[in-house]
Amino acid sequence: MRMTEKKTLSDRLDVFLVDVPIKNNFSDALINNLQYGIDRIYSLEKRIAVLEGELDNKDLIIREQMNVIVNLPNSLKNVIFDGIWFVYPFI
């Protein structure tokens, strides 16, 4: 009879294992998610560095344009007065 009980218990264990799946190791999924997050952070940090470089270049261009605008009245004054003095002897 004991043999029959063992067989029955073994069969029940097999049925139980089939009905209740063994849980997967969730640490693998967690590691994958963390790695994705870390890769995303590095990617965004690189993009930020590129954009900051572009902003610096644009700031330099704007400063140069401001210098040209500030110096424009003096350049116009010089052209006008030098032009008048150049033409004055012919008048």
PDB file of N, CA and C in Angstrom:
ATOM      1  N   MET A   1       0.791  -1.187   0.000  1.00  0.00           N
ATOM      2  CA  MET A   1       0.000   0.000   0.000  1.00  0.00           C
ATOM      3  C   MET A   1       0.843   1.265   0.000  1.00  0.00           C
ATOM      4  N   ARG A   2       1.938   1.137   0.613  1.00  0.00           N
ATOM      5  CA  ARG A   2       2.791   2.321   0.654  1.00  0.00           C
ATOM      6  C   ARG A   2       3.276   2.693  -0.748  1.00  0.00           C
ATOM      7  N   MET A   3       3.515   1.709  -1.569  1.00  0.00           N
ATOM      8  CA  MET A   3       3.933   1.973  -2.931  1.00  0.00           C
ATOM      9  C   MET A   3       2.865   2.753  -3.676  1.00  0.00           C
ATOM     10  N   THR A   4       1.630   2.394  -3.426  1.00  0.00           N
ATOM     11  CA  THR A   4       0.524   3.071  -4.072  1.00  0.00           C
ATOM     12  C   THR A   4       0.431   4.512  -3.579  1.00  0.00           C
ATOM     13  N   GLU A   5       0.638   4.707  -2.305  1.00  0.00           N
ATOM     14  CA  GLU A   5       0.591   6.074  -1.758  1.00  0.00           C
ATOM     15  C   GLU A   5       1.698   6.926  -2.344  1.00  0.00           C
ATOM     16  N   LYS A   6       2.881   6.346  -2.471  1.00  0.00           N
ATOM     17  CA  LYS A   6       3.991   7.102  -3.028  1.00  0.00           C
ATOM     18  C   LYS A   6       3.699   7.478  -4.468  1.00  0.00           C
ATOM     19  N   LYS A   7       3.155   6.546  -5.205  1.00  0.00           N
ATOM     20  CA  LYS A   7       2.832   6.839  -6.580  1.00  0.00           C
ATOM     21  C   LYS A   7       1.762   7.917  -6.648  1.00  0.00           C
ATOM     22  N   THR A   8       0.808   7.819  -5.806  1.00  0.00           N
ATOM     23  CA  THR A   8      -0.259   8.806  -5.791  1.00  0.00           C
ATOM     24  C   THR A   8       0.287  10.164  -5.382  1.00  0.00           C
ATOM     25  N   LEU A   9       1.141  10.202  -4.392  1.00  0.00           N
ATOM     26  CA  LEU A   9       1.728  11.476  -3.968  1.00  0.00           C
ATOM     27  C   LEU A   9       2.611  12.061  -5.068  1.00  0.00           C
ATOM     28  N   SER A  10       3.316  11.188  -5.738  1.00  0.00           N
ATOM     29  CA  SER A  10       4.159  11.637  -6.842  1.00  0.00           C
ATOM     30  C   SER A  10       3.306  12.196  -7.976  1.00  0.00           C
ATOM     31  N   ASP A  11       2.217  11.505  -8.268  1.00  0.00           N
ATOM     32  CA  ASP A  11       1.312  12.005  -9.308  1.00  0.00           C
ATOM     33  C   ASP A  11       0.720  13.353  -8.906  1.00  0.00           C
ATOM     34  N   ARG A  12       0.357  13.452  -7.661  1.00  0.00           N
ATOM     35  CA  ARG A  12      -0.202  14.731  -7.181  1.00  0.00           C
ATOM     36  C   ARG A  12       0.834  15.853  -7.270  1.00  0.00           C
ATOM     37  N   LEU A  13       2.063  15.546  -6.959  1.00  0.00           N
ATOM     38  CA  LEU A  13       3.129  16.544  -7.057  1.00  0.00           C
ATOM     39  C   LEU A  13       3.308  16.992  -8.504  1.00  0.00           C
ATOM     40  N   ASP A  14       3.278  16.034  -9.439  1.00  0.00           N
ATOM     41  CA  ASP A  14       3.384  16.382 -10.853  1.00  0.00           C
ATOM     42  C   ASP A  14       2.231  17.283 -11.275  1.00  0.00           C
ATOM     43  N   VAL A  15       1.038  16.949 -10.857  1.00  0.00           N
ATOM     44  CA  VAL A  15      -0.137  17.754 -11.193  1.00  0.00           C
ATOM     45  C   VAL A  15       0.012  19.143 -10.581  1.00  0.00           C
ATOM     46  N   PHE A  16       0.453  19.205  -9.365  1.00  0.00           N
ATOM     47  CA  PHE A  16       0.624  20.478  -8.690  1.00  0.00           C
ATOM     48  C   PHE A  16       1.659  21.344  -9.408  1.00  0.00           C
ATOM     49  N   LEU A  17       2.773  20.757  -9.818  1.00  0.00           N
ATOM     50  CA  LEU A  17       3.816  21.507 -10.510  1.00  0.00           C
ATOM     51  C   LEU A  17       3.346  21.999 -11.872  1.00  0.00           C
ATOM     52  N   VAL A  18       2.494  21.247 -12.530  1.00  0.00           N
ATOM     53  CA  VAL A  18       1.960  21.666 -13.831  1.00  0.00           C
ATOM     54  C   VAL A  18       0.971  22.808 -13.635  1.00  0.00           C
ATOM     55  N   ASP A  19       0.136  22.711 -12.624  1.00  0.00           N
ATOM     56  CA  ASP A  19      -0.887  23.728 -12.384  1.00  0.00           C
ATOM     57  C   ASP A  19      -0.294  25.044 -11.885  1.00  0.00           C
ATOM     58  N   VAL A  20       0.739  24.974 -11.087  1.00  0.00           N
ATOM     59  CA  VAL A  20       1.344  26.177 -10.525  1.00  0.00           C
ATOM     60  C   VAL A  20       2.716  26.368 -11.156  1.00  0.00           C
ATOM     61  N   PRO A  21       2.845  27.338 -12.052  1.00  0.00           N
ATOM     62  CA  PRO A  21       4.143  27.520 -12.709  1.00  0.00           C
ATOM     63  C   PRO A  21       5.186  28.050 -11.732  1.00  0.00           C
ATOM     64  N   ILE A  22       6.405  27.650 -11.991  1.00  0.00           N
ATOM     65  CA  ILE A  22       7.508  28.129 -11.165  1.00  0.00           C
ATOM     66  C   ILE A  22       7.798  29.565 -11.565  1.00  0.00           C
ATOM     67  N   LYS A  23       7.927  30.412 -10.582  1.00  0.00           N
ATOM     68  CA  LYS A  23       8.167  31.830 -10.855  1.00  0.00           C
ATOM     69  C   LYS A  23       9.539  32.021 -11.490  1.00  0.00           C
ATOM     70  N   ASN A  24       9.559  32.915 -12.458  1.00  0.00           N
ATOM     71  CA  ASN A  24      10.831  33.256 -13.100  1.00  0.00           C
ATOM     72  C   ASN A  24      11.635  34.148 -12.173  1.00  0.00           C
ATOM     73  N   ASN A  25      12.885  34.233 -12.445  1.00  0.00           N
ATOM     74  CA  ASN A  25      13.760  35.096 -11.671  1.00  0.00           C
ATOM     75  C   ASN A  25      13.537  36.539 -12.138  1.00  0.00           C
ATOM     76  N   PHE A  26      12.897  37.334 -11.302  1.00  0.00           N
ATOM     77  CA  PHE A  26      12.575  38.711 -11.679  1.00  0.00           C
ATOM     78  C   PHE A  26      13.787  39.633 -11.650  1.00  0.00           C
ATOM     79  N   SER A  27      14.878  39.176 -11.065  1.00  0.00           N
ATOM     80  CA  SER A  27      16.072  40.019 -11.024  1.00  0.00           C
ATOM     81  C   SER A  27      16.637  40.227 -12.422  1.00  0.00           C
ATOM     82  N   ASP A  28      16.465  39.237 -13.322  1.00  0.00           N
ATOM     83  CA  ASP A  28      16.932  39.404 -14.699  1.00  0.00           C
ATOM     84  C   ASP A  28      16.179  40.538 -15.387  1.00  0.00           C
ATOM     85  N   ALA A  29      14.866  40.555 -15.211  1.00  0.00           N
ATOM     86  CA  ALA A  29      14.065  41.622 -15.811  1.00  0.00           C
ATOM     87  C   ALA A  29      14.437  42.965 -15.202  1.00  0.00           C
ATOM     88  N   LEU A  30      14.681  42.980 -13.909  1.00  0.00           N
ATOM     89  CA  LEU A  30      15.064  44.216 -13.234  1.00  0.00           C
ATOM     90  C   LEU A  30      16.405  44.720 -13.757  1.00  0.00           C
ATOM     91  N   ILE A  31      17.347  43.821 -13.938  1.00  0.00           N
ATOM     92  CA  ILE A  31      18.662  44.206 -14.458  1.00  0.00           C
ATOM     93  C   ILE A  31      18.527  44.753 -15.875  1.00  0.00           C
ATOM     94  N   ASN A  32      17.701  44.110 -16.697  1.00  0.00           N
ATOM     95  CA  ASN A  32      17.488  44.607 -18.060  1.00  0.00           C
ATOM     96  C   ASN A  32      16.861  45.989 -18.055  1.00  0.00           C
ATOM     97  N   ASN A  33      15.877  46.193 -17.187  1.00  0.00           N
ATOM     98  CA  ASN A  33      15.229  47.502 -17.095  1.00  0.00           C
ATOM     99  C   ASN A  33      16.209  48.561 -16.593  1.00  0.00           C
ATOM    100  N   LEU A  34      17.025  48.206 -15.628  1.00  0.00           N
ATOM    101  CA  LEU A  34      18.011  49.148 -15.114  1.00  0.00           C
ATOM    102  C   LEU A  34      19.043  49.489 -16.178  1.00  0.00           C
ATOM    103  N   GLN A  35      19.487  48.497 -16.922  1.00  0.00           N
ATOM    104  CA  GLN A  35      20.465  48.746 -17.983  1.00  0.00           C
ATOM    105  C   GLN A  35      19.874  49.654 -19.053  1.00  0.00           C
ATOM    106  N   TYR A  36      18.618  49.430 -19.403  1.00  0.00           N
ATOM    107  CA  TYR A  36      17.947  50.305 -20.370  1.00  0.00           C
ATOM    108  C   TYR A  36      17.897  51.732 -19.838  1.00  0.00           C
ATOM    109  N   GLY A  37      17.559  51.872 -18.558  1.00  0.00           N
ATOM    110  CA  GLY A  37      17.503  53.208 -17.953  1.00  0.00           C
ATOM    111  C   GLY A  37      18.869  53.883 -17.948  1.00  0.00           C
ATOM    112  N   ILE A  38      19.897  53.139 -17.620  1.00  0.00           N
ATOM    113  CA  ILE A  38      21.257  53.697 -17.598  1.00  0.00           C
ATOM    114  C   ILE A  38      21.689  54.102 -19.003  1.00  0.00           C
ATOM    115  N   ASP A  39      21.416  53.251 -19.984  1.00  0.00           N
ATOM    116  CA  ASP A  39      21.756  53.589 -21.372  1.00  0.00           C
ATOM    117  C   ASP A  39      21.009  54.832 -21.826  1.00  0.00           C
ATOM    118  N   ARG A  40      19.763  54.946 -21.439  1.00  0.00           N
ATOM    119  CA  ARG A  40      18.946  56.116 -21.797  1.00  0.00           C
ATOM    120  C   ARG A  40      19.520  57.380 -21.162  1.00  0.00           C
ATOM    121  N   ILE A  41      19.942  57.292 -19.912  1.00  0.00           N
ATOM    122  CA  ILE A  41      20.533  58.445 -19.222  1.00  0.00           C
ATOM    123  C   ILE A  41      21.814  58.882 -19.927  1.00  0.00           C
ATOM    124  N   TYR A  42      22.678  57.938 -20.256  1.00  0.00           N
ATOM    125  CA  TYR A  42      23.921  58.282 -20.962  1.00  0.00           C
ATOM    126  C   TYR A  42      23.624  58.927 -22.311  1.00  0.00           C
ATOM    127  N   SER A  43      22.645  58.385 -23.004  1.00  0.00           N
ATOM    128  CA  SER A  43      22.260  58.938 -24.302  1.00  0.00           C
ATOM    129  C   SER A  43      21.765  60.380 -24.147  1.00  0.00           C
ATOM    130  N   LEU A  44      20.943  60.617 -23.149  1.00  0.00           N
ATOM    131  CA  LEU A  44      20.420  61.967 -22.922  1.00  0.00           C
ATOM    132  C   LEU A  44      21.523  62.926 -22.479  1.00  0.00           C
ATOM    133  N   GLU A  45      22.469  62.446 -21.677  1.00  0.00           N
ATOM    134  CA  GLU A  45      23.580  63.302 -21.256  1.00  0.00           C
ATOM    135  C   GLU A  45      24.430  63.704 -22.455  1.00  0.00           C
ATOM    136  N   LYS A  46      24.669  62.775 -23.383  1.00  0.00           N
ATOM    137  CA  LYS A  46      25.428  63.109 -24.596  1.00  0.00           C
ATOM    138  C   LYS A  46      24.671  64.140 -25.427  1.00  0.00           C
ATOM    139  N   ARG A  47      23.371  63.960 -25.553  1.00  0.00           N
ATOM    140  CA  ARG A  47      22.545  64.897 -26.328  1.00  0.00           C
ATOM    141  C   ARG A  47      22.556  66.281 -25.685  1.00  0.00           C
ATOM    142  N   ILE A  48      22.500  66.331 -24.379  1.00  0.00           N
ATOM    143  CA  ILE A  48      22.551  67.615 -23.660  1.00  0.00           C
ATOM    144  C   ILE A  48      23.886  68.305 -23.920  1.00  0.00           C
ATOM    145  N   ALA A  49      24.976  67.544 -23.891  1.00  0.00           N
ATOM    146  CA  ALA A  49      26.301  68.127 -24.145  1.00  0.00           C
ATOM    147  C   ALA A  49      26.376  68.704 -25.562  1.00  0.00           C
ATOM    148  N   VAL A  50      25.814  67.998 -26.533  1.00  0.00           N
ATOM    149  CA  VAL A  50      25.808  68.492 -27.917  1.00  0.00           C
ATOM    150  C   VAL A  50      24.992  69.778 -28.011  1.00  0.00           C
ATOM    151  N   LEU A  51      23.821  69.791 -27.390  1.00  0.00           N
ATOM    152  CA  LEU A  51      22.962  70.973 -27.443  1.00  0.00           C
ATOM    153  C   LEU A  51      23.599  72.164 -26.725  1.00  0.00           C
ATOM    154  N   GLU A  52      24.288  71.903 -25.618  1.00  0.00           N
ATOM    155  CA  GLU A  52      24.986  72.999 -24.928  1.00  0.00           C
ATOM    156  C   GLU A  52      26.081  73.582 -25.812  1.00  0.00           C
ATOM    157  N   GLY A  53      26.779  72.723 -26.540  1.00  0.00           N
ATOM    158  CA  GLY A  53      27.799  73.200 -27.476  1.00  0.00           C
ATOM    159  C   GLY A  53      27.185  74.059 -28.569  1.00  0.00           C
ATOM    160  N   GLU A  54      26.040  73.643 -29.079  1.00  0.00           N
ATOM    161  CA  GLU A  54      25.357  74.434 -30.105  1.00  0.00           C
ATOM    162  C   GLU A  54      24.919  75.786 -29.550  1.00  0.00           C
ATOM    163  N   LEU A  55      24.451  75.800 -28.311  1.00  0.00           N
ATOM    164  CA  LEU A  55      24.051  77.070 -27.683  1.00  0.00           C
ATOM    165  C   LEU A  55      25.247  78.006 -27.527  1.00  0.00           C
ATOM    166  N   ASP A  56      26.383  77.447 -27.136  1.00  0.00           N
ATOM    167  CA  ASP A  56      27.587  78.272 -27.011  1.00  0.00           C
ATOM    168  C   ASP A  56      27.960  78.890 -28.354  1.00  0.00           C
ATOM    169  N   ASN A  57      27.872  78.100 -29.421  1.00  0.00           N
ATOM    170  CA  ASN A  57      28.176  78.617 -30.755  1.00  0.00           C
ATOM    171  C   ASN A  57      27.198  79.711 -31.154  1.00  0.00           C
ATOM    172  N   LYS A  58      25.931  79.521 -30.844  1.00  0.00           N
ATOM    173  CA  LYS A  58      24.932  80.532 -31.172  1.00  0.00           C
ATOM    174  C   LYS A  58      25.169  81.808 -30.364  1.00  0.00           C
ATOM    175  N   ASP A  59      25.576  81.657 -29.113  1.00  0.00           N
ATOM    176  CA  ASP A  59      25.889  82.833 -28.294  1.00  0.00           C
ATOM    177  C   ASP A  59      27.035  83.629 -28.914  1.00  0.00           C
ATOM    178  N   LEU A  60      28.052  82.939 -29.408  1.00  0.00           N
ATOM    179  CA  LEU A  60      29.175  83.625 -30.053  1.00  0.00           C
ATOM    180  C   LEU A  60      28.720  84.371 -31.308  1.00  0.00           C
ATOM    181  N   ILE A  61      27.855  83.750 -32.081  1.00  0.00           N
ATOM    182  CA  ILE A  61      27.340  84.392 -33.291  1.00  0.00           C
ATOM    183  C   ILE A  61      26.526  85.629 -32.929  1.00  0.00           C
ATOM    184  N   ILE A  62      25.684  85.518 -31.908  1.00  0.00           N
ATOM    185  CA  ILE A  62      24.870  86.661 -31.482  1.00  0.00           C
ATOM    186  C   ILE A  62      25.752  87.794 -30.984  1.00  0.00           C
ATOM    187  N   ARG A  63      26.791  87.482 -30.218  1.00  0.00           N
ATOM    188  CA  ARG A  63      27.711  88.529 -29.745  1.00  0.00           C
ATOM    189  C   ARG A  63      28.379  89.245 -30.913  1.00  0.00           C
ATOM    190  N   GLU A  64      28.798  88.478 -31.906  1.00  0.00           N
ATOM    191  CA  GLU A  64      29.433  89.078 -33.081  1.00  0.00           C
ATOM    192  C   GLU A  64      28.449  89.971 -33.824  1.00  0.00           C
ATOM    193  N   GLN A  65      27.215  89.531 -33.952  1.00  0.00           N
ATOM    194  CA  GLN A  65      26.195  90.345 -34.611  1.00  0.00           C
ATOM    195  C   GLN A  65      25.921  91.628 -33.825  1.00  0.00           C
ATOM    196  N   MET A  66      25.915  91.530 -32.500  1.00  0.00           N
ATOM    197  CA  MET A  66      25.713  92.725 -31.672  1.00  0.00           C
ATOM    198  C   MET A  66      26.864  93.705 -31.859  1.00  0.00           C
ATOM    199  N   ASN A  67      28.092  93.198 -31.941  1.00  0.00           N
ATOM    200  CA  ASN A  67      29.239  94.073 -32.183  1.00  0.00           C
ATOM    201  C   ASN A  67      29.110  94.797 -33.519  1.00  0.00           C
ATOM    202  N   VAL A  68      28.661  94.078 -34.534  1.00  0.00           N
ATOM    203  CA  VAL A  68      28.474  94.693 -35.848  1.00  0.00           C
ATOM    204  C   VAL A  68      27.405  95.776 -35.772  1.00  0.00           C
ATOM    205  N   ILE A  69      26.306  95.500 -35.090  1.00  0.00           N
ATOM    206  CA  ILE A  69      25.217  96.473 -34.963  1.00  0.00           C
ATOM    207  C   ILE A  69      25.676  97.702 -34.186  1.00  0.00           C
ATOM    208  N   VAL A  70      26.428  97.498 -33.111  1.00  0.00           N
ATOM    209  CA  VAL A  70      26.916  98.624 -32.311  1.00  0.00           C
ATOM    210  C   VAL A  70      27.886  99.473 -33.124  1.00  0.00           C
ATOM    211  N   ASN A  71      28.716  98.843 -33.931  1.00  0.00           N
ATOM    212  CA  ASN A  71      29.700  99.573 -34.724  1.00  0.00           C
ATOM    213  C   ASN A  71      29.118 100.139 -36.022  1.00  0.00           C
ATOM    214  N   LEU A  72      27.923  99.754 -36.375  1.00  0.00           N
ATOM    215  CA  LEU A  72      27.309 100.201 -37.626  1.00  0.00           C
ATOM    216  C   LEU A  72      27.134 101.719 -37.697  1.00  0.00           C
ATOM    217  N   PRO A  73      26.623 102.375 -36.640  1.00  0.00           N
ATOM    218  CA  PRO A  73      26.489 103.838 -36.733  1.00  0.00           C
ATOM    219  C   PRO A  73      27.834 104.533 -36.985  1.00  0.00           C
ATOM    220  N   ASN A  74      28.905 104.096 -36.334  1.00  0.00           N
ATOM    221  CA  ASN A  74      30.217 104.701 -36.566  1.00  0.00           C
ATOM    222  C   ASN A  74      30.685 104.453 -37.997  1.00  0.00           C
ATOM    223  N   SER A  75      30.430 103.244 -38.493  1.00  0.00           N
ATOM    224  CA  SER A  75      30.824 102.941 -39.869  1.00  0.00           C
ATOM    225  C   SER A  75      30.053 103.817 -40.848  1.00  0.00           C
ATOM    226  N   LEU A  76      28.754 103.990 -40.620  1.00  0.00           N
ATOM    227  CA  LEU A  76      27.944 104.838 -41.499  1.00  0.00           C
ATOM    228  C   LEU A  76      28.394 106.296 -41.427  1.00  0.00           C
ATOM    229  N   LYS A  77      28.674 106.755 -40.209  1.00  0.00           N
ATOM    230  CA  LYS A  77      29.141 108.133 -40.035  1.00  0.00           C
ATOM    231  C   LYS A  77      30.445 108.351 -40.794  1.00  0.00           C
ATOM    232  N   ASN A  78      31.360 107.403 -40.679  1.00  0.00           N
ATOM    233  CA  ASN A  78      32.635 107.519 -41.387  1.00  0.00           C
ATOM    234  C   ASN A  78      32.436 107.519 -42.901  1.00  0.00           C
ATOM    235  N   VAL A  79      31.553 106.673 -43.388  1.00  0.00           N
ATOM    236  CA  VAL A  79      31.306 106.610 -44.826  1.00  0.00           C
ATOM    237  C   VAL A  79      30.694 107.920 -45.308  1.00  0.00           C
ATOM    238  N   ILE A  80      29.719 108.425 -44.557  1.00  0.00           N
ATOM    239  CA  ILE A  80      29.045 109.658 -44.972  1.00  0.00           C
ATOM    240  C   ILE A  80      30.007 110.832 -44.934  1.00  0.00           C
ATOM    241  N   PHE A  81      30.691 111.044 -43.804  1.00  0.00           N
ATOM    242  CA  PHE A  81      31.581 112.196 -43.687  1.00  0.00           C
ATOM    243  C   PHE A  81      32.799 112.077 -44.587  1.00  0.00           C
ATOM    244  N   ASP A  82      33.355 110.881 -44.684  1.00  0.00           N
ATOM    245  CA  ASP A  82      34.488 110.699 -45.599  1.00  0.00           C
ATOM    246  C   ASP A  82      34.037 110.903 -47.034  1.00  0.00           C
ATOM    247  N   GLY A  83      32.829 110.466 -47.335  1.00  0.00           N
ATOM    248  CA  GLY A  83      32.291 110.663 -48.671  1.00  0.00           C
ATOM    249  C   GLY A  83      32.070 112.129 -48.971  1.00  0.00           C
ATOM    250  N   ILE A  84      31.570 112.878 -47.987  1.00  0.00           N
ATOM    251  CA  ILE A  84      31.345 114.317 -48.174  1.00  0.00           C
ATOM    252  C   ILE A  84      32.694 115.020 -48.367  1.00  0.00           C
ATOM    253  N   TRP A  85      33.668 114.677 -47.565  1.00  0.00           N
ATOM    254  CA  TRP A  85      34.987 115.331 -47.706  1.00  0.00           C
ATOM    255  C   TRP A  85      35.641 114.961 -49.024  1.00  0.00           C
ATOM    256  N   PHE A  86      35.324 113.750 -49.513  1.00  0.00           N
ATOM    257  CA  PHE A  86      35.883 113.332 -50.801  1.00  0.00           C
ATOM    258  C   PHE A  86      35.225 114.113 -51.952  1.00  0.00           C
ATOM    259  N   VAL A  87      33.926 114.341 -51.843  1.00  0.00           N
ATOM    260  CA  VAL A  87      33.178 115.032 -52.890  1.00  0.00           C
ATOM    261  C   VAL A  87      33.316 116.559 -52.764  1.00  0.00           C
ATOM    262  N   TYR A  88      33.572 117.071 -51.585  1.00  0.00           N
ATOM    263  CA  TYR A  88      33.601 118.518 -51.314  1.00  0.00           C
ATOM    264  C   TYR A  88      34.529 119.295 -52.235  1.00  0.00           C
ATOM    265  N   PRO A  89      35.716 118.803 -52.535  1.00  0.00           N
ATOM    266  CA  PRO A  89      36.568 119.595 -53.454  1.00  0.00           C
ATOM    267  C   PRO A  89      35.987 119.751 -54.847  1.00  0.00           C
ATOM    268  N   PHE A  90      35.107 118.862 -55.214  1.00  0.00           N
ATOM    269  CA  PHE A  90      34.534 118.937 -56.571  1.00  0.00           C
ATOM    270  C   PHE A  90      33.321 119.844 -56.652  1.00  0.00           C
ATOM    271  N   ILE A  91      32.851 120.289 -55.494  1.00  0.00           N
ATOM    272  CA  ILE A  91      31.641 121.126 -55.498  1.00  0.00           C
ATOM    273  C   ILE A  91      32.016 122.575 -55.694  1.00  0.00           C
TER     274      ILE A  91
END
